[in-house]
Amino acid sequence: MSGQEGRATVLIVDDEERVAETYKIRLRDDYAVDIATGGREALEMVDDGYDVVLLDRRMPDVSGDEVLEEIRDRGLSCKVVMVTAVDPDVTLVEMDCDDYIVKPVAKNELHEAIDRALRIATYGERRQELGAKKLKRNVLEVEMHEEELQQSDQYQALEAEIEALETEVDELEAELGIEEVDRFL
């Protein structure tokens, strides 16, 4: 989350300028918000500086589906929430979006979708960090004597970091409704 004052950054992409401005007004108190009024403008603007992209699906110049595909092809780390009047169908299975909400969208729905996307991003980062720390611990436990490890402040700090990350991951899993995630690394 890299916006002004440490706030999450959101790019709203909608060809209906009035809709985009309405979303911006609803979100600007909590997030750093920019607007792109079409797919082409979105592709010029989007980069890793955005945490979440709210993306309309039907736009005349470049469709939201094409923007989504380009975001993924570029390997950008932003979460993408489709915010569209297009009712979902089985093609949703093929879409590499992080969430999908159907217009009209209430203010609280926008906030919930963004907050959920941010928690998912944090969850992924923490799981990756936890896995890396567990791998280091495993290497140390295989290569060093237990007595050496117990006397090492660095090893004790690593153990404390692992415990704290496990707690944080458990809390995020509970918030996100994720059950029985394999954490055996």
C-alpha atoms as a PDB file:
ATOM      1  CA  MET A   1       0.000   0.000   0.000  1.00  0.00           C
ATOM      2  CA  SER A   2       1.893   2.932  -1.270  1.00  0.00           C
ATOM      3  CA  GLY A   3      -0.427   5.898  -1.579  1.00  0.00           C
ATOM      4  CA  GLN A   4      -0.335   9.315   0.002  1.00  0.00           C
ATOM      5  CA  GLU A   5      -0.079   9.152   3.776  1.00  0.00           C
ATOM      6  CA  GLY A   6       0.333   5.367   3.565  1.00  0.00           C
ATOM      7  CA  ARG A   7      -3.175   4.870   2.200  1.00  0.00           C
ATOM      8  CA  ALA A   8      -3.970   2.130  -0.284  1.00  0.00           C
ATOM      9  CA  THR A   9      -4.017   3.260  -3.907  1.00  0.00           C
ATOM     10  CA  VAL A  10      -7.035   2.586  -6.095  1.00  0.00           C
ATOM     11  CA  LEU A  11      -7.449   3.077  -9.844  1.00  0.00           C
ATOM     12  CA  ILE A  12     -11.056   3.375 -10.961  1.00  0.00           C
ATOM     13  CA  VAL A  13     -11.552   2.426 -14.612  1.00  0.00           C
ATOM     14  CA  ASP A  14     -14.964   3.241 -16.076  1.00  0.00           C
ATOM     15  CA  ASP A  15     -15.896   4.846 -19.383  1.00  0.00           C
ATOM     16  CA  GLU A  16     -18.852   6.558 -17.727  1.00  0.00           C
ATOM     17  CA  GLU A  17     -17.141   9.567 -16.200  1.00  0.00           C
ATOM     18  CA  ARG A  18     -20.048  10.286 -13.854  1.00  0.00           C
ATOM     19  CA  VAL A  19     -19.879   6.774 -12.422  1.00  0.00           C
ATOM     20  CA  ALA A  20     -16.098   7.003 -11.975  1.00  0.00           C
ATOM     21  CA  GLU A  21     -16.397  10.371 -10.220  1.00  0.00           C
ATOM     22  CA  THR A  22     -19.121   8.988  -7.935  1.00  0.00           C
ATOM     23  CA  TYR A  23     -16.875   6.090  -6.931  1.00  0.00           C
ATOM     24  CA  LYS A  24     -14.000   8.487  -6.343  1.00  0.00           C
ATOM     25  CA  ILE A  25     -16.130  10.653  -4.053  1.00  0.00           C
ATOM     26  CA  ARG A  26     -17.197   7.537  -2.125  1.00  0.00           C
ATOM     27  CA  LEU A  27     -13.614   6.326  -1.709  1.00  0.00           C
ATOM     28  CA  ARG A  28     -11.373   9.395  -1.486  1.00  0.00           C
ATOM     29  CA  ASP A  29     -11.555   9.726   2.311  1.00  0.00           C
ATOM     30  CA  ASP A  30     -10.071   6.268   2.799  1.00  0.00           C
ATOM     31  CA  TYR A  31      -7.876   5.648  -0.244  1.00  0.00           C
ATOM     32  CA  ALA A  32      -5.655   7.501  -2.694  1.00  0.00           C
ATOM     33  CA  VAL A  33      -7.844   7.366  -5.812  1.00  0.00           C
ATOM     34  CA  ASP A  34      -7.184   7.986  -9.509  1.00  0.00           C
ATOM     35  CA  ILE A  35      -9.568   7.665 -12.452  1.00  0.00           C
ATOM     36  CA  ALA A  36      -9.128   6.341 -15.984  1.00  0.00           C
ATOM     37  CA  THR A  37     -12.141   6.930 -18.245  1.00  0.00           C
ATOM     38  CA  GLY A  38     -11.447   4.086 -20.620  1.00  0.00           C
ATOM     39  CA  GLY A  39      -9.380   0.986 -21.178  1.00  0.00           C
ATOM     40  CA  ARG A  40      -6.675   2.682 -23.212  1.00  0.00           C
ATOM     41  CA  GLU A  41      -6.137   5.360 -20.531  1.00  0.00           C
ATOM     42  CA  ALA A  42      -6.108   2.642 -17.868  1.00  0.00           C
ATOM     43  CA  LEU A  43      -3.334   0.773 -19.682  1.00  0.00           C
ATOM     44  CA  GLU A  44      -1.293   3.988 -19.832  1.00  0.00           C
ATOM     45  CA  MET A  45      -1.762   4.612 -16.111  1.00  0.00           C
ATOM     46  CA  VAL A  46      -1.713   1.214 -14.428  1.00  0.00           C
ATOM     47  CA  ASP A  47       1.512   0.098 -12.812  1.00  0.00           C
ATOM     48  CA  ASP A  48       2.692  -1.482  -9.561  1.00  0.00           C
ATOM     49  CA  GLY A  49       1.898   1.752  -7.749  1.00  0.00           C
ATOM     50  CA  TYR A  50      -1.750   0.702  -7.506  1.00  0.00           C
ATOM     51  CA  ASP A  51      -2.945  -1.728  -4.876  1.00  0.00           C
ATOM     52  CA  VAL A  52      -6.433  -2.254  -6.332  1.00  0.00           C
ATOM     53  CA  VAL A  53      -8.006  -1.608  -9.741  1.00  0.00           C
ATOM     54  CA  LEU A  54     -11.792  -1.285  -9.943  1.00  0.00           C
ATOM     55  CA  LEU A  55     -12.407  -2.255 -13.550  1.00  0.00           C
ATOM     56  CA  ASP A  56     -15.533  -1.875 -15.675  1.00  0.00           C
ATOM     57  CA  ARG A  57     -15.942  -4.728 -18.116  1.00  0.00           C
ATOM     58  CA  ARG A  58     -17.702  -3.065 -21.055  1.00  0.00           C
ATOM     59  CA  MET A  59     -15.875  -0.080 -22.464  1.00  0.00           C
ATOM     60  CA  PRO A  60     -15.851   1.027 -26.107  1.00  0.00           C
ATOM     61  CA  ASP A  61     -12.122   1.549 -26.715  1.00  0.00           C
ATOM     62  CA  VAL A  62     -10.487  -1.350 -24.857  1.00  0.00           C
ATOM     63  CA  SER A  63     -12.664  -3.763 -22.873  1.00  0.00           C
ATOM     64  CA  GLY A  64     -12.159  -4.469 -19.202  1.00  0.00           C
ATOM     65  CA  ASP A  65     -11.373  -8.078 -20.091  1.00  0.00           C
ATOM     66  CA  GLU A  66      -8.512  -6.873 -22.304  1.00  0.00           C
ATOM     67  CA  VAL A  67      -7.247  -4.502 -19.609  1.00  0.00           C
ATOM     68  CA  LEU A  68      -7.326  -7.347 -17.083  1.00  0.00           C
ATOM     69  CA  GLU A  69      -5.406  -9.614 -19.444  1.00  0.00           C
ATOM     70  CA  GLU A  70      -2.751  -6.925 -20.023  1.00  0.00           C
ATOM     71  CA  ILE A  71      -2.405  -6.272 -16.270  1.00  0.00           C
ATOM     72  CA  ARG A  72      -1.737  -9.981 -15.729  1.00  0.00           C
ATOM     73  CA  ASP A  73       0.576 -10.222 -18.762  1.00  0.00           C
ATOM     74  CA  ARG A  74       2.660  -7.371 -17.333  1.00  0.00           C
ATOM     75  CA  GLY A  75       2.915  -9.229 -14.035  1.00  0.00           C
ATOM     76  CA  LEU A  76       1.546  -6.309 -12.033  1.00  0.00           C
ATOM     77  CA  SER A  77       0.832  -7.092  -8.402  1.00  0.00           C
ATOM     78  CA  CYS A  78      -2.378  -5.066  -8.077  1.00  0.00           C
ATOM     79  CA  LYS A  79      -5.625  -6.784  -7.202  1.00  0.00           C
ATOM     80  CA  VAL A  80      -8.378  -6.385  -9.800  1.00  0.00           C
ATOM     81  CA  VAL A  81     -12.045  -6.115  -8.880  1.00  0.00           C
ATOM     82  CA  MET A  82     -14.431  -6.190 -11.819  1.00  0.00           C
ATOM     83  CA  VAL A  83     -17.205  -3.644 -11.152  1.00  0.00           C
ATOM     84  CA  THR A  84     -19.636  -4.066 -13.986  1.00  0.00           C
ATOM     85  CA  ALA A  85     -23.228  -4.216 -15.173  1.00  0.00           C
ATOM     86  CA  VAL A  86     -22.454  -7.547 -16.852  1.00  0.00           C
ATOM     87  CA  ASP A  87     -24.019 -10.356 -14.837  1.00  0.00           C
ATOM     88  CA  PRO A  88     -21.481 -13.102 -14.230  1.00  0.00           C
ATOM     89  CA  ASP A  89     -21.687 -16.338 -16.168  1.00  0.00           C
ATOM     90  CA  VAL A  90     -19.416 -19.358 -16.469  1.00  0.00           C
ATOM     91  CA  THR A  91     -16.780 -17.238 -18.262  1.00  0.00           C
ATOM     92  CA  LEU A  92     -16.010 -15.869 -14.794  1.00  0.00           C
ATOM     93  CA  VAL A  93     -14.155 -19.123 -14.137  1.00  0.00           C
ATOM     94  CA  GLU A  94     -11.632 -18.170 -16.839  1.00  0.00           C
ATOM     95  CA  MET A  95     -11.181 -14.558 -15.645  1.00  0.00           C
ATOM     96  CA  ASP A  96      -8.087 -13.835 -13.591  1.00  0.00           C
ATOM     97  CA  CYS A  97      -9.803 -11.224 -11.447  1.00  0.00           C
ATOM     98  CA  ASP A  98      -9.769 -11.120  -7.666  1.00  0.00           C
ATOM     99  CA  ASP A  99     -13.414 -10.197  -7.164  1.00  0.00           C
ATOM    100  CA  TYR A 100     -16.513  -9.448  -9.234  1.00  0.00           C
ATOM    101  CA  ILE A 101     -19.338  -7.139  -8.210  1.00  0.00           C
ATOM    102  CA  VAL A 102     -22.363  -6.145 -10.257  1.00  0.00           C
ATOM    103  CA  LYS A 103     -23.589  -2.552 -10.672  1.00  0.00           C
ATOM    104  CA  PRO A 104     -25.258  -0.671  -9.199  1.00  0.00           C
ATOM    105  CA  VAL A 105     -22.791  -0.726  -6.308  1.00  0.00           C
ATOM    106  CA  ALA A 106     -23.377   0.830  -2.899  1.00  0.00           C
ATOM    107  CA  LYS A 107     -20.615   2.722  -1.105  1.00  0.00           C
ATOM    108  CA  ASN A 108     -20.157  -0.024   1.477  1.00  0.00           C
ATOM    109  CA  GLU A 109     -19.834  -2.656  -1.284  1.00  0.00           C
ATOM    110  CA  LEU A 110     -16.958  -0.721  -2.855  1.00  0.00           C
ATOM    111  CA  HIS A 111     -15.198  -0.440   0.507  1.00  0.00           C
ATOM    112  CA  GLU A 112     -15.776  -4.114   1.300  1.00  0.00           C
ATOM    113  CA  ALA A 113     -14.437  -5.227  -2.089  1.00  0.00           C
ATOM    114  CA  ILE A 114     -11.311  -3.087  -1.743  1.00  0.00           C
ATOM    115  CA  ASP A 115     -10.697  -4.129   1.858  1.00  0.00           C
ATOM    116  CA  ARG A 116     -11.152  -7.798   0.936  1.00  0.00           C
ATOM    117  CA  ALA A 117      -8.704  -7.440  -1.968  1.00  0.00           C
ATOM    118  CA  LEU A 118      -6.166  -5.772   0.324  1.00  0.00           C
ATOM    119  CA  ARG A 119      -6.538  -8.520   2.960  1.00  0.00           C
ATOM    120  CA  ILE A 120      -6.044 -11.159   0.262  1.00  0.00           C
ATOM    121  CA  ALA A 121      -2.870  -9.385  -0.866  1.00  0.00           C
ATOM    122  CA  THR A 122      -1.587  -9.178   2.702  1.00  0.00           C
ATOM    123  CA  TYR A 123      -2.465 -12.817   3.280  1.00  0.00           C
ATOM    124  CA  GLY A 124      -0.457 -13.900   0.239  1.00  0.00           C
ATOM    125  CA  GLU A 125       2.528 -11.799   1.293  1.00  0.00           C
ATOM    126  CA  ARG A 126       2.459 -13.148   4.855  1.00  0.00           C
ATOM    127  CA  ARG A 127       2.122 -16.758   3.672  1.00  0.00           C
ATOM    128  CA  GLN A 128       5.129 -16.279   1.396  1.00  0.00           C
ATOM    129  CA  GLU A 129       7.152 -14.670   4.191  1.00  0.00           C
ATOM    130  CA  LEU A 130       6.160 -17.455   6.591  1.00  0.00           C
ATOM    131  CA  GLY A 131       7.173 -20.125   4.095  1.00  0.00           C
ATOM    132  CA  ALA A 132      10.580 -18.512   3.541  1.00  0.00           C
ATOM    133  CA  LYS A 133      11.243 -18.261   7.270  1.00  0.00           C
ATOM    134  CA  LYS A 134      10.170 -21.876   7.847  1.00  0.00           C
ATOM    135  CA  LEU A 135      12.522 -23.040   5.101  1.00  0.00           C
ATOM    136  CA  LYS A 136      15.405 -21.184   6.770  1.00  0.00           C
ATOM    137  CA  ARG A 137      14.504 -22.740  10.100  1.00  0.00           C
ATOM    138  CA  ASN A 138      14.380 -26.198   8.525  1.00  0.00           C
ATOM    139  CA  VAL A 139      17.825 -25.764   6.979  1.00  0.00           C
ATOM    140  CA  LEU A 140      19.267 -24.604  10.291  1.00  0.00           C
ATOM    141  CA  GLU A 141      17.689 -27.533  12.137  1.00  0.00           C
ATOM    142  CA  VAL A 142      19.151 -30.026   9.665  1.00  0.00           C
ATOM    143  CA  GLU A 143      22.616 -28.458   9.495  1.00  0.00           C
ATOM    144  CA  MET A 144      23.221 -27.343  13.086  1.00  0.00           C
ATOM    145  CA  HIS A 145      23.169 -28.990  16.495  1.00  0.00           C
ATOM    146  CA  GLU A 146      20.168 -28.295  18.672  1.00  0.00           C
ATOM    147  CA  GLU A 147      22.378 -26.876  21.430  1.00  0.00           C
ATOM    148  CA  GLU A 148      23.850 -24.307  19.043  1.00  0.00           C
ATOM    149  CA  LEU A 149      20.399 -23.292  17.899  1.00  0.00           C
ATOM    150  CA  GLN A 150      19.062 -22.905  21.430  1.00  0.00           C
ATOM    151  CA  GLN A 151      21.980 -20.602  22.269  1.00  0.00           C
ATOM    152  CA  SER A 152      21.554 -18.483  19.137  1.00  0.00           C
ATOM    153  CA  ASP A 153      19.729 -15.186  19.526  1.00  0.00           C
ATOM    154  CA  GLN A 154      19.183 -15.113  15.769  1.00  0.00           C
ATOM    155  CA  TYR A 155      17.511 -18.532  15.791  1.00  0.00           C
ATOM    156  CA  GLN A 156      15.322 -17.522  18.748  1.00  0.00           C
ATOM    157  CA  ALA A 157      14.327 -14.350  16.893  1.00  0.00           C
ATOM    158  CA  LEU A 158      13.487 -16.445  13.819  1.00  0.00           C
ATOM    159  CA  GLU A 159      11.290 -18.721  15.940  1.00  0.00           C
ATOM    160  CA  ALA A 160       9.485 -15.676  17.373  1.00  0.00           C
ATOM    161  CA  GLU A 161       8.963 -14.237  13.868  1.00  0.00           C
ATOM    162  CA  ILE A 162       7.530 -17.565  12.673  1.00  0.00           C
ATOM    163  CA  GLU A 163       5.154 -17.716  15.632  1.00  0.00           C
ATOM    164  CA  ALA A 164       3.977 -14.125  15.056  1.00  0.00           C
ATOM    165  CA  LEU A 165       3.468 -14.754  11.328  1.00  0.00           C
ATOM    166  CA  GLU A 166       1.537 -17.964  12.025  1.00  0.00           C
ATOM    167  CA  THR A 167      -0.780 -16.008  14.315  1.00  0.00           C
ATOM    168  CA  GLU A 168      -1.249 -13.264  11.707  1.00  0.00           C
ATOM    169  CA  VAL A 169      -1.908 -15.805   8.939  1.00  0.00           C
ATOM    170  CA  ASP A 170      -4.431 -17.623  11.155  1.00  0.00           C
ATOM    171  CA  GLU A 171      -6.248 -14.343  11.827  1.00  0.00           C
ATOM    172  CA  LEU A 172      -6.309 -13.449   8.128  1.00  0.00           C
ATOM    173  CA  GLU A 173      -7.602 -16.915   7.267  1.00  0.00           C
ATOM    174  CA  ALA A 174     -10.418 -16.469   9.780  1.00  0.00           C
ATOM    175  CA  GLU A 175     -11.268 -13.008   8.366  1.00  0.00           C
ATOM    176  CA  LEU A 176     -11.257 -14.291   4.797  1.00  0.00           C
ATOM    177  CA  GLY A 177     -13.104 -17.512   5.609  1.00  0.00           C
ATOM    178  CA  ILE A 178     -10.226 -19.706   4.456  1.00  0.00           C
ATOM    179  CA  GLU A 179     -10.282 -23.159   5.993  1.00  0.00           C
ATOM    180  CA  GLU A 180      -7.593 -25.779   6.386  1.00  0.00           C
ATOM    181  CA  VAL A 181      -4.815 -24.199   4.379  1.00  0.00           C
ATOM    182  CA  ASP A 182      -1.794 -26.446   3.962  1.00  0.00           C
ATOM    183  CA  ARG A 183       1.029 -24.821   5.898  1.00  0.00           C
ATOM    184  CA  PHE A 184       3.419 -27.724   6.126  1.00  0.00           C
ATOM    185  CA  LEU A 185       6.637 -26.420   4.647  1.00  0.00           C
END
